[in-house]
Amino acid sequence: MPNKTIYNRTIAFSGIYQAVTLVQQVAKSGTCDLNGFKTSLNAIFNTNPNSTINVYGEEANLKIGIKQLAKGIDNTPESIEIIRYIINLLNLERKLSRHHDAMDQLAKRISVLTDQLEHLELVHEKIIEQLSNIYLDIISPIGPRIQVMGTHSVIQNKINQYKVRALLLSGTRSVVLWRQVGGKRRNLIFNRKKMVEQASVLLARI
């Protein structure tokens, strides 16, 4: 398998890892890494990239996701929770790909929202709320619903709910990208070690 293929899959999978790691941060504390958050949201709008890394800007923007992937799977509750989110997103994206009307609607809603970015900041509450609504209206009904674990008072906050759903939308975007560069479930069994090794190489240079 060409190294470029492993690189592209590692970048896309790091995008998935980053989105769900930030979901975990928001759900537990109400805050998350701002640059990582912006990178994940930007990925939603970058639907016609020149390359895989172009979706996220540069490797350093994916440091949170790359670090998680390089760490590998351990038996801590946090790690198990993240893996559960990833598995749920993989299942959601697979179902979404079979709903062509939903895919078309998703593209249209994102396109409309892209125009609003000329007037509002990416992390403006209205943008995050609308990204949340896109996830809620189009992706969530495909189900099953992803149960996000967190601090009760934190996840009851509307803005935090918007952030979580916007990040789940970003995670779905990264799963789509991973599929586009040839990612398959069997890769996670037979080639996961290569992705972890590539992530370690990336982490050392960012």
N, C-alpha and C. Protein backbone atom coordinates (compact mmCIF):
# COMPACT_ATOMS: atom_id res chain seq x y z
N MET A 1 0.85 -1.20 0.00
CA MET A 1 0.00 0.00 0.00
C MET A 1 0.88 1.25 0.00
N PRO A 2 0.67 2.19 -0.90
CA PRO A 2 1.51 3.38 -0.97
C PRO A 2 1.44 4.17 0.33
N ASN A 3 2.58 4.78 0.70
CA ASN A 3 2.62 5.58 1.93
C ASN A 3 1.63 6.73 1.89
N LYS A 4 1.41 7.28 0.68
CA LYS A 4 0.47 8.40 0.55
C LYS A 4 -0.94 7.97 0.96
N THR A 5 -1.29 6.74 0.64
CA THR A 5 -2.60 6.22 1.02
C THR A 5 -2.73 6.15 2.53
N ILE A 6 -1.72 5.61 3.19
CA ILE A 6 -1.73 5.53 4.65
C ILE A 6 -1.78 6.94 5.24
N TYR A 7 -1.00 7.85 4.66
CA TYR A 7 -0.98 9.25 5.13
C TYR A 7 -2.38 9.85 5.07
N ASN A 8 -3.04 9.73 3.90
CA ASN A 8 -4.36 10.32 3.74
C ASN A 8 -5.39 9.72 4.70
N ARG A 9 -5.33 8.41 4.88
CA ARG A 9 -6.27 7.76 5.80
C ARG A 9 -5.99 8.17 7.24
N THR A 10 -4.72 8.33 7.56
CA THR A 10 -4.34 8.76 8.91
C THR A 10 -4.83 10.18 9.19
N ILE A 11 -4.68 11.06 8.21
CA ILE A 11 -5.15 12.44 8.36
C ILE A 11 -6.66 12.46 8.57
N ALA A 12 -7.39 11.76 7.72
CA ALA A 12 -8.86 11.75 7.82
C ALA A 12 -9.32 11.13 9.14
N PHE A 13 -8.66 10.04 9.55
CA PHE A 13 -9.06 9.40 10.80
C PHE A 13 -8.69 10.25 12.01
N SER A 14 -7.62 11.02 11.89
CA SER A 14 -7.28 11.97 12.95
C SER A 14 -8.35 13.05 13.05
N GLY A 15 -8.96 13.41 11.91
CA GLY A 15 -10.06 14.35 11.92
C GLY A 15 -11.25 13.81 12.70
N ILE A 16 -11.51 12.52 12.55
CA ILE A 16 -12.59 11.87 13.31
C ILE A 16 -12.24 11.89 14.80
N TYR A 17 -11.02 11.48 15.11
CA TYR A 17 -10.57 11.45 16.51
C TYR A 17 -10.65 12.83 17.15
N GLN A 18 -10.26 13.85 16.40
CA GLN A 18 -10.26 15.21 16.95
C GLN A 18 -11.68 15.65 17.27
N ALA A 19 -12.60 15.42 16.36
CA ALA A 19 -13.98 15.84 16.57
C ALA A 19 -14.58 15.19 17.83
N VAL A 20 -14.37 13.88 17.99
CA VAL A 20 -14.99 13.20 19.14
C VAL A 20 -14.25 13.51 20.44
N THR A 21 -12.95 13.79 20.38
CA THR A 21 -12.22 14.20 21.57
C THR A 21 -12.74 15.55 22.06
N LEU A 22 -13.02 16.44 21.12
CA LEU A 22 -13.57 17.75 21.48
C LEU A 22 -15.01 17.62 21.99
N VAL A 23 -15.77 16.68 21.44
CA VAL A 23 -17.10 16.38 21.98
C VAL A 23 -16.98 16.02 23.45
N GLN A 24 -16.03 15.16 23.75
CA GLN A 24 -15.81 14.72 25.13
C GLN A 24 -15.43 15.91 26.03
N GLN A 25 -14.57 16.77 25.54
CA GLN A 25 -14.15 17.95 26.31
C GLN A 25 -15.33 18.87 26.61
N VAL A 26 -16.11 19.16 25.57
CA VAL A 26 -17.26 20.06 25.74
C VAL A 26 -18.28 19.47 26.70
N ALA A 27 -18.58 18.19 26.53
CA ALA A 27 -19.60 17.54 27.35
C ALA A 27 -19.22 17.45 28.82
N LYS A 28 -17.94 17.39 29.10
CA LYS A 28 -17.50 17.27 30.49
C LYS A 28 -17.23 18.61 31.16
N SER A 29 -16.69 19.56 30.37
CA SER A 29 -16.26 20.83 30.98
C SER A 29 -16.93 22.08 30.41
N GLY A 30 -17.56 21.95 29.23
CA GLY A 30 -18.18 23.12 28.59
C GLY A 30 -17.22 23.92 27.75
N THR A 31 -15.93 23.52 27.74
CA THR A 31 -14.93 24.21 26.93
C THR A 31 -14.12 23.19 26.14
N CYS A 32 -13.42 23.68 25.14
CA CYS A 32 -12.52 22.81 24.37
C CYS A 32 -11.47 23.66 23.71
N ASP A 33 -10.47 23.02 23.16
CA ASP A 33 -9.38 23.72 22.48
C ASP A 33 -9.95 24.52 21.30
N LEU A 34 -9.70 25.84 21.30
CA LEU A 34 -10.33 26.71 20.30
C LEU A 34 -9.81 26.45 18.89
N ASN A 35 -8.49 26.30 18.72
CA ASN A 35 -7.96 26.04 17.38
C ASN A 35 -8.45 24.70 16.84
N GLY A 36 -8.49 23.70 17.71
CA GLY A 36 -9.01 22.40 17.30
C GLY A 36 -10.47 22.49 16.90
N PHE A 37 -11.23 23.27 17.66
CA PHE A 37 -12.65 23.47 17.38
C PHE A 37 -12.84 24.14 16.03
N LYS A 38 -12.09 25.20 15.78
CA LYS A 38 -12.18 25.91 14.49
C LYS A 38 -11.81 24.99 13.33
N THR A 39 -10.77 24.20 13.54
CA THR A 39 -10.32 23.27 12.49
C THR A 39 -11.42 22.26 12.15
N SER A 40 -12.06 21.73 13.18
CA SER A 40 -13.13 20.75 12.97
C SER A 40 -14.32 21.38 12.25
N LEU A 41 -14.68 22.60 12.65
CA LEU A 41 -15.81 23.28 11.99
C LEU A 41 -15.47 23.63 10.55
N ASN A 42 -14.25 24.10 10.32
CA ASN A 42 -13.82 24.44 8.96
C ASN A 42 -13.92 23.25 8.02
N ALA A 43 -13.64 22.07 8.53
CA ALA A 43 -13.67 20.86 7.72
C ALA A 43 -15.05 20.62 7.11
N ILE A 44 -16.09 21.03 7.83
CA ILE A 44 -17.46 20.84 7.34
C ILE A 44 -17.67 21.62 6.05
N PHE A 45 -17.09 22.81 5.98
CA PHE A 45 -17.32 23.69 4.84
C PHE A 45 -16.35 23.43 3.68
N ASN A 46 -15.26 22.72 3.96
CA ASN A 46 -14.26 22.47 2.91
C ASN A 46 -14.62 21.19 2.17
N THR A 47 -15.59 21.31 1.27
CA THR A 47 -16.14 20.13 0.60
C THR A 47 -15.50 19.84 -0.76
N ASN A 48 -14.63 20.74 -1.22
CA ASN A 48 -13.97 20.51 -2.51
C ASN A 48 -12.48 20.79 -2.38
N PRO A 49 -11.79 20.00 -1.53
CA PRO A 49 -10.38 20.27 -1.24
C PRO A 49 -9.44 19.80 -2.33
N ASN A 50 -8.24 20.40 -2.37
CA ASN A 50 -7.20 19.98 -3.31
C ASN A 50 -6.50 18.71 -2.84
N SER A 51 -6.54 18.48 -1.54
CA SER A 51 -5.89 17.31 -0.96
C SER A 51 -6.57 16.98 0.36
N THR A 52 -6.24 15.85 0.92
CA THR A 52 -6.83 15.44 2.19
C THR A 52 -6.47 16.42 3.30
N ILE A 53 -5.21 16.78 3.40
CA ILE A 53 -4.78 17.68 4.47
C ILE A 53 -5.39 19.06 4.30
N ASN A 54 -5.71 19.44 3.08
CA ASN A 54 -6.30 20.75 2.81
C ASN A 54 -7.64 20.93 3.53
N VAL A 55 -8.32 19.84 3.83
CA VAL A 55 -9.60 19.91 4.56
C VAL A 55 -9.38 20.53 5.94
N TYR A 56 -8.20 20.30 6.50
CA TYR A 56 -7.91 20.77 7.86
C TYR A 56 -6.89 21.90 7.91
N GLY A 57 -6.41 22.31 6.75
CA GLY A 57 -5.45 23.41 6.70
C GLY A 57 -4.01 22.92 6.72
N GLU A 58 -3.59 22.41 7.86
CA GLU A 58 -2.23 21.88 8.00
C GLU A 58 -2.21 20.84 9.11
N GLU A 59 -1.14 20.06 9.14
CA GLU A 59 -1.06 18.95 10.10
C GLU A 59 -1.17 19.42 11.55
N ALA A 60 -0.55 20.56 11.86
CA ALA A 60 -0.55 21.05 13.24
C ALA A 60 -1.97 21.32 13.75
N ASN A 61 -2.88 21.64 12.86
CA ASN A 61 -4.27 21.91 13.25
C ASN A 61 -4.97 20.65 13.76
N LEU A 62 -4.41 19.50 13.42
CA LEU A 62 -5.00 18.21 13.82
C LEU A 62 -4.26 17.57 14.99
N LYS A 63 -3.49 18.37 15.70
CA LYS A 63 -2.63 17.81 16.75
C LYS A 63 -3.43 17.00 17.78
N ILE A 64 -4.60 17.47 18.16
CA ILE A 64 -5.42 16.77 19.16
C ILE A 64 -5.81 15.39 18.66
N GLY A 65 -6.28 15.32 17.42
CA GLY A 65 -6.69 14.04 16.85
C GLY A 65 -5.52 13.11 16.57
N ILE A 66 -4.43 13.68 16.06
CA ILE A 66 -3.23 12.88 15.78
C ILE A 66 -2.68 12.27 17.06
N LYS A 67 -2.66 13.08 18.12
CA LYS A 67 -2.16 12.61 19.42
C LYS A 67 -2.99 11.44 19.94
N GLN A 68 -4.31 11.55 19.80
CA GLN A 68 -5.20 10.47 20.26
C GLN A 68 -5.00 9.20 19.46
N LEU A 69 -4.84 9.36 18.15
CA LEU A 69 -4.64 8.19 17.29
C LEU A 69 -3.30 7.53 17.58
N ALA A 70 -2.26 8.35 17.77
CA ALA A 70 -0.92 7.82 18.05
C ALA A 70 -0.88 7.08 19.38
N LYS A 71 -1.70 7.52 20.32
CA LYS A 71 -1.72 6.91 21.65
C LYS A 71 -2.24 5.47 21.60
N GLY A 72 -3.08 5.20 20.59
CA GLY A 72 -3.65 3.86 20.49
C GLY A 72 -4.79 3.67 21.47
N ILE A 73 -5.32 2.48 21.55
CA ILE A 73 -6.46 2.19 22.41
C ILE A 73 -5.95 1.68 23.76
N ASP A 74 -6.43 2.32 24.82
CA ASP A 74 -6.16 1.78 26.16
C ASP A 74 -7.51 1.51 26.84
N ASN A 75 -7.46 1.07 28.06
CA ASN A 75 -8.68 0.66 28.75
C ASN A 75 -9.24 1.72 29.69
N THR A 76 -8.79 2.96 29.51
CA THR A 76 -9.35 4.03 30.35
C THR A 76 -10.78 4.33 29.89
N PRO A 77 -11.64 4.79 30.81
CA PRO A 77 -13.02 5.14 30.44
C PRO A 77 -13.08 6.18 29.33
N GLU A 78 -12.15 7.13 29.36
CA GLU A 78 -12.14 8.19 28.34
C GLU A 78 -11.87 7.63 26.95
N SER A 79 -10.90 6.72 26.87
CA SER A 79 -10.53 6.11 25.59
C SER A 79 -11.66 5.23 25.06
N ILE A 80 -12.26 4.45 25.94
CA ILE A 80 -13.37 3.58 25.54
C ILE A 80 -14.55 4.41 25.05
N GLU A 81 -14.80 5.53 25.71
CA GLU A 81 -15.88 6.43 25.31
C GLU A 81 -15.63 7.00 23.91
N ILE A 82 -14.40 7.41 23.66
CA ILE A 82 -14.04 7.96 22.35
C ILE A 82 -14.22 6.92 21.25
N ILE A 83 -13.79 5.69 21.51
CA ILE A 83 -13.95 4.61 20.53
C ILE A 83 -15.44 4.37 20.25
N ARG A 84 -16.25 4.45 21.29
CA ARG A 84 -17.70 4.26 21.10
C ARG A 84 -18.27 5.35 20.20
N TYR A 85 -17.84 6.59 20.41
CA TYR A 85 -18.30 7.68 19.54
C TYR A 85 -17.89 7.44 18.09
N ILE A 86 -16.65 6.98 17.90
CA ILE A 86 -16.16 6.74 16.55
C ILE A 86 -16.96 5.64 15.87
N ILE A 87 -17.19 4.55 16.57
CA ILE A 87 -17.98 3.43 16.01
C ILE A 87 -19.37 3.92 15.63
N ASN A 88 -19.98 4.73 16.49
CA ASN A 88 -21.32 5.27 16.19
C ASN A 88 -21.30 6.15 14.96
N LEU A 89 -20.26 6.97 14.82
CA LEU A 89 -20.15 7.84 13.64
C LEU A 89 -19.95 7.03 12.36
N LEU A 90 -19.14 5.97 12.45
CA LEU A 90 -18.95 5.11 11.29
C LEU A 90 -20.28 4.48 10.86
N ASN A 91 -21.07 4.06 11.82
CA ASN A 91 -22.38 3.46 11.53
C ASN A 91 -23.33 4.50 10.94
N LEU A 92 -23.32 5.70 11.51
CA LEU A 92 -24.19 6.77 11.01
C LEU A 92 -23.86 7.14 9.57
N GLU A 93 -22.56 7.30 9.31
CA GLU A 93 -22.14 7.70 7.96
C GLU A 93 -22.51 6.63 6.95
N ARG A 94 -22.38 5.39 7.32
CA ARG A 94 -22.74 4.30 6.40
C ARG A 94 -24.22 4.39 6.03
N LYS A 95 -25.07 4.65 7.02
CA LYS A 95 -26.50 4.78 6.76
C LYS A 95 -26.79 6.04 5.94
N LEU A 96 -26.09 7.13 6.28
CA LEU A 96 -26.28 8.39 5.56
C LEU A 96 -25.95 8.24 4.08
N SER A 97 -24.89 7.49 3.77
CA SER A 97 -24.46 7.33 2.38
C SER A 97 -25.50 6.63 1.52
N ARG A 98 -26.41 5.91 2.17
CA ARG A 98 -27.47 5.21 1.44
C ARG A 98 -28.70 6.09 1.25
N HIS A 99 -28.74 7.23 1.93
CA HIS A 99 -29.87 8.15 1.82
C HIS A 99 -29.46 9.32 0.93
N HIS A 100 -29.64 9.16 -0.36
CA HIS A 100 -29.18 10.18 -1.31
C HIS A 100 -29.90 11.50 -1.14
N ASP A 101 -31.17 11.46 -0.78
CA ASP A 101 -31.91 12.70 -0.53
C ASP A 101 -31.31 13.45 0.65
N ALA A 102 -30.95 12.71 1.68
CA ALA A 102 -30.35 13.33 2.86
C ALA A 102 -29.00 13.94 2.52
N MET A 103 -28.22 13.24 1.69
CA MET A 103 -26.91 13.76 1.28
C MET A 103 -27.06 15.06 0.49
N ASP A 104 -28.05 15.09 -0.40
CA ASP A 104 -28.32 16.30 -1.20
C ASP A 104 -28.74 17.45 -0.29
N GLN A 105 -29.61 17.14 0.66
CA GLN A 105 -30.10 18.15 1.58
C GLN A 105 -28.96 18.68 2.45
N LEU A 106 -28.09 17.79 2.85
CA LEU A 106 -26.93 18.17 3.66
C LEU A 106 -26.05 19.15 2.89
N ALA A 107 -25.77 18.84 1.64
CA ALA A 107 -24.93 19.71 0.80
C ALA A 107 -25.57 21.09 0.63
N LYS A 108 -26.88 21.12 0.42
CA LYS A 108 -27.58 22.40 0.23
C LYS A 108 -27.54 23.24 1.50
N ARG A 109 -27.79 22.61 2.64
CA ARG A 109 -27.81 23.35 3.91
C ARG A 109 -26.42 23.92 4.24
N ILE A 110 -25.40 23.15 3.96
CA ILE A 110 -24.03 23.62 4.22
C ILE A 110 -23.68 24.76 3.27
N SER A 111 -24.12 24.66 2.03
CA SER A 111 -23.86 25.70 1.05
C SER A 111 -24.50 27.03 1.47
N VAL A 112 -25.74 26.96 1.93
CA VAL A 112 -26.44 28.17 2.40
C VAL A 112 -25.70 28.78 3.58
N LEU A 113 -25.27 27.94 4.48
CA LEU A 113 -24.57 28.42 5.68
C LEU A 113 -23.19 29.00 5.32
N THR A 114 -22.57 28.46 4.28
CA THR A 114 -21.27 28.97 3.84
C THR A 114 -21.37 30.45 3.48
N ASP A 115 -22.47 30.83 2.84
CA ASP A 115 -22.68 32.23 2.47
C ASP A 115 -22.72 33.14 3.70
N GLN A 116 -23.23 32.63 4.81
CA GLN A 116 -23.33 33.43 6.03
C GLN A 116 -21.98 33.69 6.67
N LEU A 117 -20.99 32.86 6.31
CA LEU A 117 -19.65 33.04 6.87
C LEU A 117 -18.99 34.33 6.37
N GLU A 118 -19.57 34.93 5.33
CA GLU A 118 -19.06 36.21 4.87
C GLU A 118 -19.40 37.32 5.85
N HIS A 119 -20.39 37.06 6.70
CA HIS A 119 -20.87 38.10 7.62
C HIS A 119 -20.64 37.74 9.10
N LEU A 120 -20.45 36.47 9.38
CA LEU A 120 -20.30 36.03 10.77
C LEU A 120 -19.03 35.20 10.93
N GLU A 121 -18.45 35.25 12.12
CA GLU A 121 -17.28 34.43 12.44
C GLU A 121 -17.67 32.95 12.47
N LEU A 122 -16.71 32.09 12.17
CA LEU A 122 -16.95 30.65 12.15
C LEU A 122 -17.48 30.16 13.49
N VAL A 123 -16.98 30.73 14.58
CA VAL A 123 -17.38 30.25 15.91
C VAL A 123 -18.50 31.12 16.52
N HIS A 124 -19.15 31.92 15.69
CA HIS A 124 -20.29 32.70 16.17
C HIS A 124 -21.40 31.74 16.59
N GLU A 125 -22.09 32.10 17.66
CA GLU A 125 -23.13 31.21 18.20
C GLU A 125 -24.18 30.84 17.15
N LYS A 126 -24.52 31.78 16.27
CA LYS A 126 -25.55 31.50 15.25
C LYS A 126 -25.07 30.44 14.25
N ILE A 127 -23.79 30.50 13.89
CA ILE A 127 -23.22 29.49 12.98
C ILE A 127 -23.22 28.13 13.65
N ILE A 128 -22.77 28.09 14.91
CA ILE A 128 -22.71 26.82 15.63
C ILE A 128 -24.11 26.25 15.82
N GLU A 129 -25.08 27.12 16.10
CA GLU A 129 -26.46 26.66 16.27
C GLU A 129 -27.00 26.06 14.97
N GLN A 130 -26.69 26.71 13.84
CA GLN A 130 -27.20 26.20 12.57
C GLN A 130 -26.51 24.89 12.16
N LEU A 131 -25.23 24.76 12.48
CA LEU A 131 -24.55 23.48 12.25
C LEU A 131 -25.20 22.39 13.10
N SER A 132 -25.52 22.75 14.33
CA SER A 132 -26.21 21.82 15.23
C SER A 132 -27.55 21.40 14.64
N ASN A 133 -28.28 22.36 14.08
CA ASN A 133 -29.59 22.07 13.50
C ASN A 133 -29.47 21.16 12.27
N ILE A 134 -28.42 21.37 11.48
CA ILE A 134 -28.19 20.50 10.32
C ILE A 134 -28.01 19.06 10.78
N TYR A 135 -27.21 18.87 11.82
CA TYR A 135 -27.00 17.52 12.35
C TYR A 135 -28.31 16.95 12.88
N LEU A 136 -29.03 17.79 13.62
CA LEU A 136 -30.28 17.35 14.25
C LEU A 136 -31.35 17.00 13.22
N ASP A 137 -31.42 17.80 12.16
CA ASP A 137 -32.48 17.63 11.14
C ASP A 137 -32.19 16.50 10.15
N ILE A 138 -30.93 16.32 9.80
CA ILE A 138 -30.59 15.43 8.69
C ILE A 138 -29.91 14.12 9.13
N ILE A 139 -28.94 14.24 9.99
CA ILE A 139 -28.14 13.06 10.34
C ILE A 139 -28.72 12.29 11.52
N SER A 140 -29.10 12.99 12.56
CA SER A 140 -29.60 12.33 13.77
C SER A 140 -30.80 11.41 13.52
N PRO A 141 -31.77 11.82 12.67
CA PRO A 141 -32.93 10.94 12.45
C PRO A 141 -32.59 9.60 11.79
N ILE A 142 -31.44 9.53 11.12
CA ILE A 142 -31.04 8.28 10.48
C ILE A 142 -30.75 7.22 11.53
N GLY A 143 -30.25 7.69 12.68
CA GLY A 143 -30.06 6.87 13.87
C GLY A 143 -29.12 5.69 13.71
N PRO A 144 -28.83 4.99 14.81
CA PRO A 144 -29.33 5.29 16.16
C PRO A 144 -28.66 6.53 16.74
N ARG A 145 -29.36 7.17 17.67
CA ARG A 145 -28.88 8.41 18.26
C ARG A 145 -27.62 8.15 19.07
N ILE A 146 -26.65 9.05 18.94
CA ILE A 146 -25.41 8.94 19.70
C ILE A 146 -25.63 9.52 21.10
N GLN A 147 -25.44 8.71 22.11
CA GLN A 147 -25.59 9.17 23.48
C GLN A 147 -24.26 9.73 23.97
N VAL A 148 -24.25 11.03 24.23
CA VAL A 148 -23.03 11.72 24.68
C VAL A 148 -23.02 11.77 26.20
N MET A 149 -21.90 11.30 26.76
CA MET A 149 -21.75 11.29 28.21
C MET A 149 -21.04 12.57 28.65
N GLY A 150 -21.48 13.12 29.78
CA GLY A 150 -20.82 14.32 30.26
C GLY A 150 -21.34 14.75 31.62
N THR A 151 -20.96 15.94 32.03
CA THR A 151 -21.43 16.52 33.28
C THR A 151 -22.84 17.04 33.06
N HIS A 152 -23.76 16.63 33.92
CA HIS A 152 -25.19 16.93 33.70
C HIS A 152 -25.45 18.42 33.48
N SER A 153 -24.92 19.25 34.36
CA SER A 153 -25.19 20.70 34.25
C SER A 153 -24.59 21.28 32.98
N VAL A 154 -23.49 20.69 32.53
CA VAL A 154 -22.81 21.18 31.32
C VAL A 154 -23.60 20.83 30.07
N ILE A 155 -24.03 19.58 29.97
CA ILE A 155 -24.71 19.16 28.74
C ILE A 155 -26.17 19.62 28.69
N GLN A 156 -26.65 20.19 29.78
CA GLN A 156 -27.98 20.79 29.75
C GLN A 156 -27.94 22.19 29.13
N ASN A 157 -26.75 22.76 29.05
CA ASN A 157 -26.57 24.10 28.48
C ASN A 157 -26.76 24.05 26.96
N LYS A 158 -27.61 24.92 26.45
CA LYS A 158 -27.96 24.91 25.02
C LYS A 158 -26.73 25.11 24.13
N ILE A 159 -25.89 26.07 24.50
CA ILE A 159 -24.72 26.35 23.66
C ILE A 159 -23.80 25.14 23.59
N ASN A 160 -23.64 24.46 24.71
CA ASN A 160 -22.81 23.24 24.72
C ASN A 160 -23.43 22.15 23.86
N GLN A 161 -24.75 22.06 23.87
CA GLN A 161 -25.45 21.10 23.00
C GLN A 161 -25.19 21.43 21.53
N TYR A 162 -25.23 22.73 21.21
CA TYR A 162 -24.94 23.14 19.82
C TYR A 162 -23.53 22.73 19.42
N LYS A 163 -22.57 22.97 20.33
CA LYS A 163 -21.17 22.64 20.04
C LYS A 163 -21.00 21.14 19.82
N VAL A 164 -21.62 20.34 20.68
CA VAL A 164 -21.51 18.88 20.57
C VAL A 164 -22.05 18.40 19.23
N ARG A 165 -23.23 18.88 18.85
CA ARG A 165 -23.82 18.44 17.57
C ARG A 165 -23.02 18.93 16.39
N ALA A 166 -22.49 20.16 16.46
CA ALA A 166 -21.65 20.68 15.38
C ALA A 166 -20.40 19.82 15.23
N LEU A 167 -19.84 19.38 16.34
CA LEU A 167 -18.65 18.52 16.30
C LEU A 167 -18.98 17.13 15.78
N LEU A 168 -20.16 16.62 16.11
CA LEU A 168 -20.58 15.32 15.55
C LEU A 168 -20.77 15.43 14.04
N LEU A 169 -21.25 16.59 13.59
CA LEU A 169 -21.37 16.83 12.14
C LEU A 169 -19.98 16.84 11.51
N SER A 170 -19.02 17.47 12.18
CA SER A 170 -17.65 17.48 11.68
C SER A 170 -17.06 16.07 11.66
N GLY A 171 -17.36 15.30 12.70
CA GLY A 171 -16.88 13.92 12.73
C GLY A 171 -17.42 13.12 11.57
N THR A 172 -18.68 13.35 11.24
CA THR A 172 -19.30 12.68 10.09
C THR A 172 -18.60 13.10 8.81
N ARG A 173 -18.27 14.39 8.70
CA ARG A 173 -17.54 14.89 7.52
C ARG A 173 -16.20 14.16 7.37
N SER A 174 -15.52 13.96 8.48
CA SER A 174 -14.22 13.28 8.42
C SER A 174 -14.37 11.80 8.08
N VAL A 175 -15.46 11.18 8.53
CA VAL A 175 -15.71 9.78 8.14
C VAL A 175 -15.93 9.70 6.63
N VAL A 176 -16.70 10.65 6.09
CA VAL A 176 -16.91 10.69 4.63
C VAL A 176 -15.57 10.80 3.91
N LEU A 177 -14.71 11.68 4.42
CA LEU A 177 -13.39 11.87 3.81
C LEU A 177 -12.57 10.58 3.90
N TRP A 178 -12.61 9.94 5.05
CA TRP A 178 -11.87 8.68 5.25
C TRP A 178 -12.35 7.63 4.25
N ARG A 179 -13.65 7.55 4.02
CA ARG A 179 -14.18 6.61 3.02
C ARG A 179 -13.67 6.98 1.62
N GLN A 180 -13.63 8.29 1.34
CA GLN A 180 -13.22 8.75 0.01
C GLN A 180 -11.77 8.39 -0.30
N VAL A 181 -10.94 8.29 0.73
CA VAL A 181 -9.54 7.93 0.49
C VAL A 181 -9.32 6.42 0.73
N GLY A 182 -10.41 5.68 0.66
CA GLY A 182 -10.32 4.22 0.67
C GLY A 182 -10.44 3.56 2.02
N GLY A 183 -10.81 4.33 3.05
CA GLY A 183 -10.96 3.76 4.38
C GLY A 183 -12.13 2.78 4.46
N LYS A 184 -11.88 1.62 5.00
CA LYS A 184 -12.92 0.60 5.20
C LYS A 184 -12.74 0.00 6.58
N ARG A 185 -13.80 -0.63 7.06
CA ARG A 185 -13.73 -1.21 8.40
C ARG A 185 -12.59 -2.22 8.53
N ARG A 186 -12.37 -2.97 7.47
CA ARG A 186 -11.30 -3.98 7.58
C ARG A 186 -9.93 -3.32 7.73
N ASN A 187 -9.79 -2.06 7.25
CA ASN A 187 -8.53 -1.34 7.45
C ASN A 187 -8.24 -1.14 8.93
N LEU A 188 -9.31 -0.97 9.71
CA LEU A 188 -9.14 -0.74 11.14
C LEU A 188 -8.64 -1.99 11.84
N ILE A 189 -8.86 -3.13 11.23
CA ILE A 189 -8.40 -4.39 11.79
C ILE A 189 -6.99 -4.72 11.29
N PHE A 190 -6.81 -4.61 9.97
CA PHE A 190 -5.55 -5.07 9.37
C PHE A 190 -4.49 -3.98 9.21
N ASN A 191 -4.92 -2.70 9.14
CA ASN A 191 -3.96 -1.64 8.89
C ASN A 191 -3.91 -0.57 9.98
N ARG A 192 -4.59 -0.83 11.08
CA ARG A 192 -4.62 0.16 12.15
C ARG A 192 -3.21 0.48 12.65
N LYS A 193 -2.38 -0.55 12.76
CA LYS A 193 -1.02 -0.35 13.26
C LYS A 193 -0.25 0.64 12.39
N LYS A 194 -0.47 0.56 11.06
CA LYS A 194 0.21 1.48 10.15
C LYS A 194 -0.26 2.91 10.36
N MET A 195 -1.56 3.08 10.62
CA MET A 195 -2.07 4.43 10.89
C MET A 195 -1.51 4.97 12.20
N VAL A 196 -1.43 4.13 13.21
CA VAL A 196 -0.88 4.55 14.50
C VAL A 196 0.59 4.96 14.33
N GLU A 197 1.33 4.18 13.56
CA GLU A 197 2.74 4.51 13.29
C GLU A 197 2.86 5.82 12.53
N GLN A 198 2.00 6.02 11.53
CA GLN A 198 2.02 7.27 10.77
C GLN A 198 1.65 8.45 11.66
N ALA A 199 0.69 8.25 12.55
CA ALA A 199 0.30 9.32 13.49
C ALA A 199 1.45 9.68 14.40
N SER A 200 2.23 8.70 14.82
CA SER A 200 3.39 8.96 15.68
C SER A 200 4.43 9.79 14.94
N VAL A 201 4.62 9.49 13.66
CA VAL A 201 5.56 10.26 12.83
C VAL A 201 5.07 11.70 12.71
N LEU A 202 3.77 11.88 12.46
CA LEU A 202 3.20 13.22 12.34
C LEU A 202 3.33 13.98 13.64
N LEU A 203 3.04 13.32 14.75
CA LEU A 203 3.08 13.97 16.06
C LEU A 203 4.48 14.47 16.38
N ALA A 204 5.48 13.74 15.94
CA ALA A 204 6.88 14.11 16.22
C ALA A 204 7.31 15.36 15.46
N ARG A 205 6.59 15.69 14.40
CA ARG A 205 7.05 16.82 13.56
C ARG A 205 6.13 18.04 13.66
N ILE A 206 5.08 17.98 14.46
CA ILE A 206 4.20 19.16 14.58
C ILE A 206 4.32 19.80 15.95
